[in-house]
N, C-alpha and C. Protein backbone atom coordinates (compact mmCIF):
# COMPACT_ATOMS: atom_id res chain seq x y z
N UNK A 1 0.83 -1.18 0.00
CA UNK A 1 0.00 0.00 0.00
C UNK A 1 0.87 1.24 0.00
N UNK A 2 0.33 2.29 -0.50
CA UNK A 2 1.02 3.57 -0.47
C UNK A 2 0.37 4.50 0.56
N UNK A 3 -0.54 3.95 1.37
CA UNK A 3 -1.25 4.71 2.40
C UNK A 3 -1.12 4.02 3.75
N UNK A 4 0.06 4.08 4.38
CA UNK A 4 0.27 3.35 5.62
C UNK A 4 -0.53 3.88 6.81
N UNK A 5 -1.01 5.11 6.72
CA UNK A 5 -1.82 5.63 7.83
C UNK A 5 -3.14 4.89 7.94
N UNK A 6 -3.73 4.52 6.81
CA UNK A 6 -4.99 3.77 6.81
C UNK A 6 -4.75 2.27 6.71
N UNK A 7 -3.89 1.86 5.81
CA UNK A 7 -3.69 0.44 5.51
C UNK A 7 -2.68 -0.18 6.48
N UNK A 8 -3.12 -0.33 7.70
CA UNK A 8 -2.32 -1.00 8.73
C UNK A 8 -2.26 -2.50 8.40
N UNK A 9 -1.31 -3.25 8.99
CA UNK A 9 -1.20 -4.68 8.69
C UNK A 9 -2.51 -5.45 8.86
N UNK A 10 -3.29 -5.15 9.88
CA UNK A 10 -4.54 -5.89 10.08
C UNK A 10 -5.57 -5.57 8.98
N UNK A 11 -5.56 -4.35 8.47
CA UNK A 11 -6.45 -3.97 7.36
C UNK A 11 -6.02 -4.71 6.10
N UNK A 12 -4.72 -4.75 5.85
CA UNK A 12 -4.21 -5.45 4.67
C UNK A 12 -4.49 -6.95 4.76
N UNK A 13 -4.38 -7.52 5.95
CA UNK A 13 -4.65 -8.95 6.10
C UNK A 13 -6.11 -9.26 5.80
N UNK A 14 -7.02 -8.42 6.27
CA UNK A 14 -8.44 -8.61 5.96
C UNK A 14 -8.67 -8.52 4.46
N UNK A 15 -8.03 -7.55 3.81
CA UNK A 15 -8.16 -7.40 2.36
C UNK A 15 -7.61 -8.64 1.65
N UNK A 16 -6.44 -9.11 2.07
CA UNK A 16 -5.80 -10.28 1.45
C UNK A 16 -6.72 -11.49 1.55
N UNK A 17 -7.37 -11.66 2.68
CA UNK A 17 -8.24 -12.80 2.88
C UNK A 17 -9.50 -12.74 2.02
N UNK A 18 -9.79 -11.57 1.46
CA UNK A 18 -10.98 -11.45 0.61
C UNK A 18 -10.79 -12.10 -0.75
N UNK A 19 -9.57 -12.50 -1.09
CA UNK A 19 -9.31 -13.19 -2.34
C UNK A 19 -9.65 -14.66 -2.14
N UNK A 20 -10.92 -14.99 -2.31
CA UNK A 20 -11.43 -16.32 -1.99
C UNK A 20 -10.64 -17.45 -2.64
N UNK A 21 -10.20 -17.24 -3.86
CA UNK A 21 -9.57 -18.35 -4.58
C UNK A 21 -8.17 -18.66 -4.10
N UNK A 22 -7.43 -17.68 -3.64
CA UNK A 22 -6.04 -17.94 -3.24
C UNK A 22 -5.50 -16.85 -2.31
N UNK A 23 -6.09 -16.66 -1.13
CA UNK A 23 -5.63 -15.56 -0.28
C UNK A 23 -4.19 -15.71 0.20
N UNK A 24 -3.70 -16.93 0.33
CA UNK A 24 -2.33 -17.12 0.82
C UNK A 24 -1.27 -16.93 -0.25
N UNK A 25 -1.67 -16.71 -1.48
CA UNK A 25 -0.71 -16.47 -2.55
C UNK A 25 -0.36 -14.99 -2.66
N UNK A 26 -1.10 -14.14 -1.95
CA UNK A 26 -0.88 -12.69 -2.01
C UNK A 26 -0.02 -12.26 -0.84
N UNK A 27 0.95 -11.40 -1.12
CA UNK A 27 1.74 -10.76 -0.07
C UNK A 27 1.54 -9.26 -0.25
N UNK A 28 1.00 -8.62 0.76
CA UNK A 28 0.74 -7.19 0.70
C UNK A 28 1.76 -6.49 1.59
N UNK A 29 2.25 -5.35 1.12
CA UNK A 29 3.38 -4.69 1.76
C UNK A 29 2.98 -3.29 2.20
N UNK A 30 3.47 -2.91 3.36
CA UNK A 30 3.38 -1.53 3.82
C UNK A 30 4.64 -1.23 4.60
N UNK A 31 4.78 -0.02 5.05
CA UNK A 31 5.96 0.37 5.81
C UNK A 31 5.89 1.83 6.16
N UNK A 32 7.01 2.37 6.52
CA UNK A 32 7.08 3.80 6.81
C UNK A 32 6.91 4.59 5.52
N UNK A 33 6.30 5.76 5.62
CA UNK A 33 6.04 6.56 4.43
C UNK A 33 7.32 6.87 3.65
N UNK A 34 8.41 7.14 4.35
CA UNK A 34 9.67 7.44 3.65
C UNK A 34 10.17 6.23 2.86
N UNK A 35 9.99 5.02 3.39
CA UNK A 35 10.40 3.81 2.67
C UNK A 35 9.50 3.57 1.45
N UNK A 36 8.21 3.81 1.63
CA UNK A 36 7.28 3.66 0.50
C UNK A 36 7.63 4.64 -0.60
N UNK A 37 7.89 5.89 -0.24
CA UNK A 37 8.24 6.91 -1.23
C UNK A 37 9.53 6.55 -1.96
N UNK A 38 10.50 6.01 -1.24
CA UNK A 38 11.77 5.60 -1.87
C UNK A 38 11.54 4.45 -2.84
N UNK A 39 10.70 3.50 -2.47
CA UNK A 39 10.40 2.36 -3.35
C UNK A 39 9.69 2.83 -4.60
N UNK A 40 8.70 3.69 -4.44
CA UNK A 40 7.96 4.24 -5.59
C UNK A 40 8.93 4.95 -6.53
N UNK A 41 9.83 5.74 -5.98
CA UNK A 41 10.81 6.46 -6.81
C UNK A 41 11.76 5.49 -7.51
N UNK A 42 12.21 4.45 -6.79
CA UNK A 42 13.13 3.49 -7.38
C UNK A 42 12.50 2.75 -8.55
N UNK A 43 11.23 2.41 -8.43
CA UNK A 43 10.53 1.70 -9.50
C UNK A 43 9.95 2.65 -10.54
N UNK A 44 10.18 3.96 -10.36
CA UNK A 44 9.73 4.98 -11.31
C UNK A 44 8.22 4.90 -11.56
N UNK A 45 7.47 4.83 -10.48
CA UNK A 45 6.02 4.75 -10.57
C UNK A 45 5.40 6.10 -10.24
N UNK A 46 4.17 6.26 -10.65
CA UNK A 46 3.43 7.49 -10.37
C UNK A 46 2.79 7.38 -8.99
N UNK A 47 2.86 8.47 -8.23
CA UNK A 47 2.19 8.55 -6.94
C UNK A 47 1.97 10.02 -6.63
N UNK A 48 0.73 10.36 -6.34
CA UNK A 48 0.40 11.73 -5.98
C UNK A 48 -0.58 11.71 -4.82
N UNK A 49 -0.27 12.49 -3.79
CA UNK A 49 -1.15 12.60 -2.63
C UNK A 49 -1.67 14.03 -2.54
N UNK A 50 -2.95 14.16 -2.21
CA UNK A 50 -3.55 15.47 -1.97
C UNK A 50 -4.71 15.27 -1.00
N UNK A 51 -5.27 16.34 -0.55
CA UNK A 51 -6.42 16.27 0.35
C UNK A 51 -7.67 16.60 -0.44
N UNK A 52 -8.72 15.84 -0.17
CA UNK A 52 -10.04 16.07 -0.76
C UNK A 52 -10.97 16.35 0.42
N UNK A 53 -11.00 17.61 0.84
CA UNK A 53 -11.71 17.94 2.07
C UNK A 53 -10.92 17.41 3.25
N UNK A 54 -11.54 16.57 4.05
CA UNK A 54 -10.87 15.97 5.21
C UNK A 54 -10.22 14.63 4.90
N UNK A 55 -10.47 14.11 3.71
CA UNK A 55 -9.96 12.78 3.36
C UNK A 55 -8.78 12.89 2.40
N UNK A 56 -7.80 12.00 2.58
CA UNK A 56 -6.69 12.00 1.62
C UNK A 56 -7.14 11.43 0.28
N UNK A 57 -6.58 11.96 -0.77
CA UNK A 57 -6.81 11.43 -2.12
C UNK A 57 -5.46 10.95 -2.63
N UNK A 58 -5.40 9.70 -3.02
CA UNK A 58 -4.14 9.10 -3.45
C UNK A 58 -4.33 8.54 -4.86
N UNK A 59 -3.54 9.05 -5.78
CA UNK A 59 -3.53 8.53 -7.15
C UNK A 59 -2.19 7.82 -7.33
N UNK A 60 -2.25 6.59 -7.82
CA UNK A 60 -1.01 5.82 -7.99
C UNK A 60 -1.08 4.97 -9.24
N UNK A 61 0.06 4.47 -9.63
CA UNK A 61 0.18 3.62 -10.81
C UNK A 61 -0.67 2.38 -10.64
N UNK A 62 -1.21 1.91 -11.74
CA UNK A 62 -2.02 0.69 -11.71
C UNK A 62 -1.29 -0.47 -12.38
N UNK A 63 0.02 -0.38 -12.47
CA UNK A 63 0.79 -1.45 -13.11
C UNK A 63 1.24 -2.50 -12.12
N UNK A 64 1.33 -3.73 -12.62
CA UNK A 64 1.99 -4.79 -11.89
C UNK A 64 3.47 -4.70 -12.21
N UNK A 65 4.30 -4.81 -11.21
CA UNK A 65 5.74 -4.90 -11.43
C UNK A 65 6.12 -6.33 -11.09
N UNK A 66 6.76 -7.01 -12.02
CA UNK A 66 7.14 -8.40 -11.78
C UNK A 66 8.65 -8.48 -11.61
N UNK A 67 9.04 -9.07 -10.48
CA UNK A 67 10.45 -9.30 -10.19
C UNK A 67 10.76 -10.77 -10.38
N UNK A 68 11.95 -11.07 -10.87
CA UNK A 68 12.35 -12.47 -10.99
C UNK A 68 12.88 -12.95 -9.65
N UNK A 69 13.22 -14.24 -9.53
CA UNK A 69 13.69 -14.77 -8.24
C UNK A 69 14.93 -14.07 -7.70
N UNK A 70 15.69 -13.39 -8.55
CA UNK A 70 16.88 -12.66 -8.10
C UNK A 70 16.57 -11.22 -7.71
N UNK A 71 15.30 -10.82 -7.82
CA UNK A 71 14.90 -9.48 -7.43
C UNK A 71 15.03 -8.43 -8.52
N UNK A 72 15.28 -8.86 -9.75
CA UNK A 72 15.39 -7.92 -10.87
C UNK A 72 14.02 -7.68 -11.49
N UNK A 73 13.80 -6.44 -11.89
CA UNK A 73 12.55 -6.11 -12.57
C UNK A 73 12.54 -6.81 -13.93
N UNK A 74 11.50 -7.58 -14.17
CA UNK A 74 11.37 -8.28 -15.45
C UNK A 74 10.48 -7.51 -16.42
N UNK A 75 9.45 -6.88 -15.88
CA UNK A 75 8.56 -6.13 -16.77
C UNK A 75 7.55 -5.36 -15.92
N UNK A 76 6.94 -4.38 -16.57
CA UNK A 76 5.81 -3.65 -16.02
C UNK A 76 4.60 -4.05 -16.85
N UNK A 77 3.51 -4.43 -16.19
CA UNK A 77 2.32 -4.87 -16.90
C UNK A 77 1.14 -3.98 -16.52
N UNK A 78 0.46 -3.41 -17.50
CA UNK A 78 -0.74 -2.64 -17.18
C UNK A 78 -1.85 -3.57 -16.70
N UNK A 79 -2.74 -3.04 -15.88
CA UNK A 79 -3.84 -3.85 -15.37
C UNK A 79 -5.03 -3.83 -16.31
N UNK A 80 -4.74 -4.07 -17.55
CA UNK A 80 -5.77 -4.23 -18.58
C UNK A 80 -5.78 -5.69 -19.00
N UNK A 81 -6.75 -6.08 -19.78
CA UNK A 81 -6.80 -7.47 -20.25
C UNK A 81 -5.56 -7.81 -21.06
N UNK A 82 -5.11 -6.91 -21.90
CA UNK A 82 -3.91 -7.15 -22.71
C UNK A 82 -2.68 -7.29 -21.81
N UNK A 83 -2.55 -6.41 -20.82
CA UNK A 83 -1.41 -6.49 -19.91
C UNK A 83 -1.40 -7.76 -19.10
N UNK A 84 -2.56 -8.15 -18.60
CA UNK A 84 -2.63 -9.37 -17.80
C UNK A 84 -2.41 -10.61 -18.66
N UNK A 85 -2.87 -10.60 -19.90
CA UNK A 85 -2.58 -11.71 -20.81
C UNK A 85 -1.07 -11.83 -21.04
N UNK A 86 -0.40 -10.69 -21.17
CA UNK A 86 1.06 -10.70 -21.33
C UNK A 86 1.76 -11.25 -20.11
N UNK A 87 1.28 -10.88 -18.94
CA UNK A 87 1.84 -11.38 -17.70
C UNK A 87 1.71 -12.90 -17.62
N UNK A 88 0.54 -13.41 -17.89
CA UNK A 88 0.31 -14.87 -17.85
C UNK A 88 1.22 -15.57 -18.87
N UNK A 89 1.35 -15.00 -20.05
CA UNK A 89 2.19 -15.60 -21.08
C UNK A 89 3.66 -15.63 -20.66
N UNK A 90 4.10 -14.66 -19.86
CA UNK A 90 5.50 -14.55 -19.48
C UNK A 90 5.86 -15.26 -18.17
N UNK A 91 4.88 -15.75 -17.42
CA UNK A 91 5.15 -16.28 -16.08
C UNK A 91 6.19 -17.39 -16.04
N UNK A 92 6.14 -18.32 -16.96
CA UNK A 92 7.10 -19.42 -16.94
C UNK A 92 8.52 -18.91 -17.10
N UNK A 93 8.73 -18.02 -18.03
CA UNK A 93 10.08 -17.46 -18.25
C UNK A 93 10.52 -16.65 -17.04
N UNK A 94 9.62 -15.85 -16.49
CA UNK A 94 9.96 -15.02 -15.32
C UNK A 94 10.33 -15.91 -14.14
N UNK A 95 9.58 -16.97 -13.89
CA UNK A 95 9.83 -17.85 -12.76
C UNK A 95 11.21 -18.51 -12.84
N UNK A 96 11.68 -18.74 -14.04
CA UNK A 96 13.01 -19.35 -14.21
C UNK A 96 14.13 -18.32 -14.09
N UNK A 97 13.76 -17.03 -14.05
CA UNK A 97 14.75 -15.98 -13.86
C UNK A 97 15.48 -15.57 -15.11
N UNK A 98 14.88 -15.81 -16.28
CA UNK A 98 15.53 -15.44 -17.54
C UNK A 98 15.00 -14.11 -18.03
């Protein structure tokens, strides 16, 4: 999450469990705001925070970032049908770390 003030570990765990088909396959991450900002910058993702009245408004990238077993970025996939089809097609190669 990019909103650690709201998305505490217990909130993320409840969200993770909502994936009926495979909740234990998901790992959701949060941390200190400075660490999140550094990660977003390192992965060159979009993130913008502003206030909408009393509530925060957070706009962020909707891409999946896939890392290989060695921790290298393999690709960025948009969360569209075409992007997800590409991700599925690439999973075997990514899993082998090539």
